[in-house]
Amino acid sequence: MTWPAGYGRTVLAEVDSTLNEASRRFPTLTGPEWILARHQTAARGRRGRAWSNPQGNFAATLMLRDIAPMDGGLRSFTASLALYDAFVAATGRPAGFALKWPNDVLLNGGKVAGILLETIGKGGLSIGIGVNLAEAPAPAQVEQRALRPVSLMAETGARITPEEFLELLAAAFAKYEAQMRQFGFAPIRTAWLARAARLGEVITARLPNEEITGTFQTVDEQGQLVLTTANGPRMIAAGDVFF
């Protein structure tokens, strides 16, 4: 693979969190930068949850500049599509991979990767990505009702280092990011829906004050989850989805 033009790359032996490191480096960076760590001492997931990061797994953050506030959340779709392509390239097959709204990648029905978006300063966006390349966390380490964690190696037999995976992921992300900037969200949305998990099936979305169960109809032009419920359609901007 050829490293994408215009993207920086930093590889660290250890850091508290690649998201924290991106925040620290943001003032001095002039373009997009990938930060990969072989080990994190304070990794985190959505809503401040701890993120298990066993040896050999992938932990990286991409820092982007000049992202309009209304477009930041749409980068979870470009990132998940890039992950999908990187997994296909690493394994040689698309079978078993699917994208779960809003920010997970599934393999054989289990969670193999997660994405966390955080804003930085003015127009800055960090895309934190964790991938179970070599080992999955124990089921006891995930929240109740969450999908079982799986690893790429256990499910497919593919062995790939974090550095090798970064090469695949960075190239795929650059392709989708260029598409987003030139054509907007529409082609990204179409590609994501073609790979979506449980489209057309009944799912549950957990919001801070309620749970909504309905048929997963689509994702709209703003990236919102659209459920068909007994009380009509519901558009959900953010939440946790359970099957």
Protein backbone atom coordinates (compact mmCIF):
# COMPACT_ATOMS: atom_id res chain seq x y z
CA MET A 1 0.00 0.00 0.00
CA THR A 2 1.03 3.60 -0.65
CA TRP A 3 0.75 6.00 2.25
CA PRO A 4 -1.78 8.73 1.34
CA ALA A 5 -0.30 12.06 0.32
CA GLY A 6 -0.79 14.89 2.80
CA TYR A 7 -1.34 12.64 5.83
CA GLY A 8 1.21 12.58 8.64
CA ARG A 9 2.06 9.53 10.70
CA THR A 10 3.35 9.20 14.26
CA VAL A 11 3.99 5.83 15.92
CA LEU A 12 4.48 5.79 19.71
CA ALA A 13 5.58 2.92 21.93
CA GLU A 14 3.30 4.08 24.76
CA VAL A 15 0.90 6.92 25.53
CA ASP A 16 -1.96 7.55 27.93
CA SER A 17 -4.44 7.81 25.07
CA THR A 18 -4.02 8.57 21.38
CA LEU A 19 -7.03 10.89 21.69
CA ASN A 20 -5.24 12.83 24.44
CA GLU A 21 -2.08 12.93 22.34
CA ALA A 22 -4.02 14.32 19.39
CA SER A 23 -5.33 17.13 21.60
CA ARG A 24 -1.83 17.94 22.79
CA ARG A 25 -0.43 18.03 19.25
CA PHE A 26 -3.34 19.85 17.63
CA PRO A 27 -1.94 23.40 18.00
CA THR A 28 1.24 22.51 16.07
CA LEU A 29 -0.19 20.30 13.34
CA THR A 30 -1.00 21.87 9.98
CA GLY A 31 -2.65 18.88 8.31
CA PRO A 32 -4.24 15.51 9.02
CA GLU A 33 -2.15 13.26 11.27
CA TRP A 34 -2.44 9.60 12.28
CA ILE A 35 -1.18 8.80 15.79
CA LEU A 36 -0.68 5.10 16.51
CA ALA A 37 0.28 3.72 19.92
CA ARG A 38 1.49 0.19 20.59
CA HIS A 39 0.25 0.54 24.16
CA GLN A 40 -2.22 2.89 25.90
CA THR A 41 -2.29 3.33 29.66
CA ALA A 42 -5.65 5.18 29.81
CA ALA A 43 -7.62 4.14 26.74
CA ARG A 44 -11.27 5.16 26.68
CA GLY A 45 -14.39 4.54 24.67
CA ARG A 46 -17.74 6.31 24.33
CA ARG A 47 -19.18 8.17 27.34
CA GLY A 48 -15.87 7.83 29.20
CA ARG A 49 -16.00 4.05 29.34
CA ALA A 50 -12.71 2.21 29.65
CA TRP A 51 -11.44 0.59 26.46
CA SER A 52 -9.53 -2.67 26.77
CA ASN A 53 -6.39 -2.64 24.63
CA PRO A 54 -4.53 -5.99 24.81
CA GLN A 55 -1.08 -6.38 23.28
CA GLY A 56 -1.13 -6.60 19.50
CA ASN A 57 -4.41 -4.75 19.05
CA PHE A 58 -4.81 -1.52 17.11
CA ALA A 59 -5.19 1.86 18.83
CA ALA A 60 -4.91 5.03 16.78
CA THR A 61 -6.38 8.50 16.36
CA LEU A 62 -6.68 10.53 13.19
CA MET A 63 -6.65 14.28 13.74
CA LEU A 64 -8.42 16.34 11.05
CA ARG A 65 -8.60 20.11 10.62
CA ASP A 66 -11.15 22.40 8.95
CA ILE A 67 -14.18 20.25 9.73
CA ALA A 68 -17.49 22.11 9.93
CA PRO A 69 -19.35 21.39 13.19
CA MET A 70 -22.34 19.99 11.30
CA ASP A 71 -20.11 17.55 9.41
CA GLY A 72 -18.05 16.16 12.28
CA GLY A 73 -20.44 13.35 13.17
CA LEU A 74 -20.53 12.16 9.56
CA ARG A 75 -16.89 11.13 9.85
CA SER A 76 -18.00 8.06 11.80
CA PHE A 77 -19.38 6.83 8.47
CA THR A 78 -16.19 7.50 6.51
CA ALA A 79 -14.14 5.88 9.27
CA SER A 80 -16.34 2.78 9.45
CA LEU A 81 -16.25 2.37 5.66
CA ALA A 82 -12.47 2.69 5.77
CA LEU A 83 -12.32 0.04 8.48
CA TYR A 84 -14.52 -2.25 6.40
CA ASP A 85 -12.20 -1.90 3.40
CA ALA A 86 -9.11 -2.41 5.57
CA PHE A 87 -10.58 -5.61 7.00
CA VAL A 88 -11.40 -6.92 3.53
CA ALA A 89 -7.88 -6.12 2.37
CA ALA A 90 -6.38 -7.82 5.44
CA THR A 91 -8.47 -10.99 5.13
CA GLY A 92 -9.12 -11.20 1.42
CA ARG A 93 -12.88 -11.54 1.91
CA PRO A 94 -15.87 -9.37 2.87
CA ALA A 95 -17.90 -12.20 4.40
CA GLY A 96 -18.89 -11.64 8.02
CA PHE A 97 -18.19 -7.89 8.23
CA ALA A 98 -20.99 -5.35 8.80
CA LEU A 99 -21.35 -1.76 10.03
CA LYS A 100 -23.39 -0.98 13.15
CA TRP A 101 -24.79 2.50 13.63
CA PRO A 102 -23.33 4.78 14.75
CA ASN A 103 -19.70 3.74 15.16
CA ASP A 104 -18.93 0.01 15.36
CA VAL A 105 -17.73 -2.65 12.96
CA LEU A 106 -19.00 -6.20 13.41
CA LEU A 107 -17.46 -9.52 12.47
CA ASN A 108 -19.60 -12.65 12.55
CA GLY A 109 -22.05 -10.76 14.74
CA GLY A 110 -19.50 -9.62 17.34
CA LYS A 111 -17.79 -6.25 17.81
CA VAL A 112 -14.32 -6.15 16.27
CA ALA A 113 -13.79 -2.36 16.11
CA GLY A 114 -15.10 0.87 17.61
CA ILE A 115 -14.87 4.55 16.70
CA LEU A 116 -14.94 7.59 19.00
CA LEU A 117 -15.21 11.17 17.73
CA GLU A 118 -14.04 14.18 19.73
CA THR A 119 -13.82 17.84 18.73
CA ILE A 120 -10.57 19.73 19.27
CA GLY A 121 -10.28 23.48 19.31
CA LYS A 122 -11.78 25.34 16.34
CA GLY A 123 -12.54 23.11 13.37
CA GLY A 124 -10.53 20.17 14.71
CA LEU A 125 -11.78 16.61 14.94
CA SER A 126 -10.16 13.52 16.42
CA ILE A 127 -11.28 10.09 15.22
CA GLY A 128 -10.19 7.48 17.75
CA ILE A 129 -10.21 3.89 16.45
CA GLY A 130 -9.73 0.68 18.39
CA VAL A 131 -9.53 -2.70 16.66
CA ASN A 132 -9.29 -6.17 18.19
CA LEU A 133 -6.64 -7.46 15.83
CA ALA A 134 -5.03 -10.12 18.00
CA GLU A 135 -7.22 -10.52 21.08
CA ALA A 136 -10.75 -9.67 22.19
CA PRO A 137 -11.54 -8.36 25.68
CA ALA A 138 -13.26 -10.76 28.05
CA PRO A 139 -17.09 -10.53 27.90
CA ALA A 140 -17.09 -9.39 31.54
CA GLN A 141 -15.24 -6.23 30.46
CA VAL A 142 -18.09 -4.96 28.29
CA GLU A 143 -21.36 -3.42 29.41
CA GLN A 144 -24.53 -5.43 29.88
CA ARG A 145 -26.41 -6.19 26.63
CA ALA A 146 -23.44 -5.16 24.51
CA LEU A 147 -22.40 -7.38 21.63
CA ARG A 148 -19.74 -9.96 22.36
CA PRO A 149 -16.22 -8.75 21.55
CA VAL A 150 -14.33 -10.70 18.88
CA SER A 151 -10.85 -10.52 17.40
CA LEU A 152 -9.82 -10.55 13.76
CA MET A 153 -7.30 -13.33 14.31
CA ALA A 154 -9.67 -15.67 16.17
CA GLU A 155 -12.51 -15.22 13.70
CA THR A 156 -10.57 -15.25 10.41
CA GLY A 157 -7.05 -16.49 11.14
CA ALA A 158 -5.59 -13.27 9.72
CA ARG A 159 -2.45 -12.07 11.47
CA ILE A 160 -1.58 -8.43 10.94
CA THR A 161 0.41 -5.94 13.01
CA PRO A 162 -1.01 -2.57 14.04
CA GLU A 163 1.48 -0.83 11.75
CA GLU A 164 0.42 -2.96 8.78
CA PHE A 165 -3.24 -2.37 9.53
CA LEU A 166 -2.65 1.39 9.73
CA GLU A 167 -1.29 1.34 6.16
CA LEU A 168 -4.51 -0.27 4.92
CA LEU A 169 -6.77 1.95 7.01
CA ALA A 170 -5.08 5.24 6.16
CA ALA A 171 -5.28 4.59 2.42
CA ALA A 172 -8.96 3.63 2.64
CA PHE A 173 -9.86 6.61 4.82
CA ALA A 174 -8.11 9.08 2.49
CA LYS A 175 -10.23 7.75 -0.40
CA TYR A 176 -13.52 8.22 1.47
CA GLU A 177 -12.50 11.58 2.92
CA ALA A 178 -11.72 12.88 -0.57
CA GLN A 179 -15.10 11.61 -1.73
CA MET A 180 -16.85 13.31 1.20
CA ARG A 181 -15.18 16.64 0.54
CA GLN A 182 -15.91 16.55 -3.19
CA PHE A 183 -19.41 15.05 -3.33
CA GLY A 184 -20.80 15.39 0.19
CA PHE A 185 -22.41 12.73 2.34
CA ALA A 186 -24.75 11.16 -0.25
CA PRO A 187 -22.32 8.59 -1.76
CA ILE A 188 -20.92 7.79 1.69
CA ARG A 189 -24.44 7.18 2.97
CA THR A 190 -25.23 4.85 0.06
CA ALA A 191 -22.04 2.85 0.58
CA TRP A 192 -22.60 2.62 4.33
CA LEU A 193 -26.19 1.41 3.99
CA ALA A 194 -25.04 -1.33 1.62
CA ARG A 195 -22.90 -2.70 4.48
CA ALA A 196 -25.25 -1.90 7.40
CA ALA A 197 -26.01 -4.49 10.06
CA ARG A 198 -29.69 -5.34 10.73
CA LEU A 199 -31.11 -2.99 8.10
CA GLY A 200 -34.84 -3.76 7.85
CA GLU A 201 -34.87 -5.57 11.19
CA VAL A 202 -36.17 -4.64 14.64
CA ILE A 203 -33.55 -3.02 16.88
CA THR A 204 -33.51 -0.93 20.07
CA ALA A 205 -31.91 2.49 20.50
CA ARG A 206 -31.10 3.60 24.03
CA LEU A 207 -31.22 7.34 24.63
CA PRO A 208 -30.46 9.13 27.91
CA ASN A 209 -34.11 9.14 29.00
CA GLU A 210 -35.80 6.42 26.95
CA GLU A 211 -35.43 3.33 24.83
CA ILE A 212 -36.96 3.17 21.36
CA THR A 213 -37.65 -0.11 19.59
CA GLY A 214 -38.52 -0.19 15.92
CA THR A 215 -37.55 -1.36 12.46
CA PHE A 216 -34.25 0.00 11.19
CA GLN A 217 -35.51 1.81 8.09
CA THR A 218 -32.50 3.84 6.97
CA VAL A 219 -29.95 6.51 7.87
CA ASP A 220 -31.05 9.96 6.74
CA GLU A 221 -29.10 12.74 5.02
CA GLN A 222 -27.83 14.02 8.40
CA GLY A 223 -26.61 10.59 9.50
CA GLN A 224 -29.51 10.07 11.89
CA LEU A 225 -30.87 6.61 12.55
CA VAL A 226 -34.46 6.28 11.29
CA LEU A 227 -36.68 3.75 13.04
CA THR A 228 -40.24 2.86 12.10
CA THR A 229 -42.16 2.44 15.36
CA ALA A 230 -45.77 1.82 16.35
CA ASN A 231 -46.07 5.59 16.84
CA GLY A 232 -44.52 6.52 13.51
CA PRO A 233 -40.96 7.24 12.35
CA ARG A 234 -38.32 8.31 14.87
CA MET A 235 -35.09 10.06 13.91
CA ILE A 236 -32.25 9.50 16.36
CA ALA A 237 -29.14 11.67 16.25
CA ALA A 238 -27.16 9.86 18.94
CA GLY A 239 -27.61 6.78 21.10
CA ASP A 240 -26.58 3.19 21.74
CA VAL A 241 -28.08 0.48 19.57
CA PHE A 242 -28.86 -3.03 20.77
CA PHE A 243 -30.02 -6.05 18.78
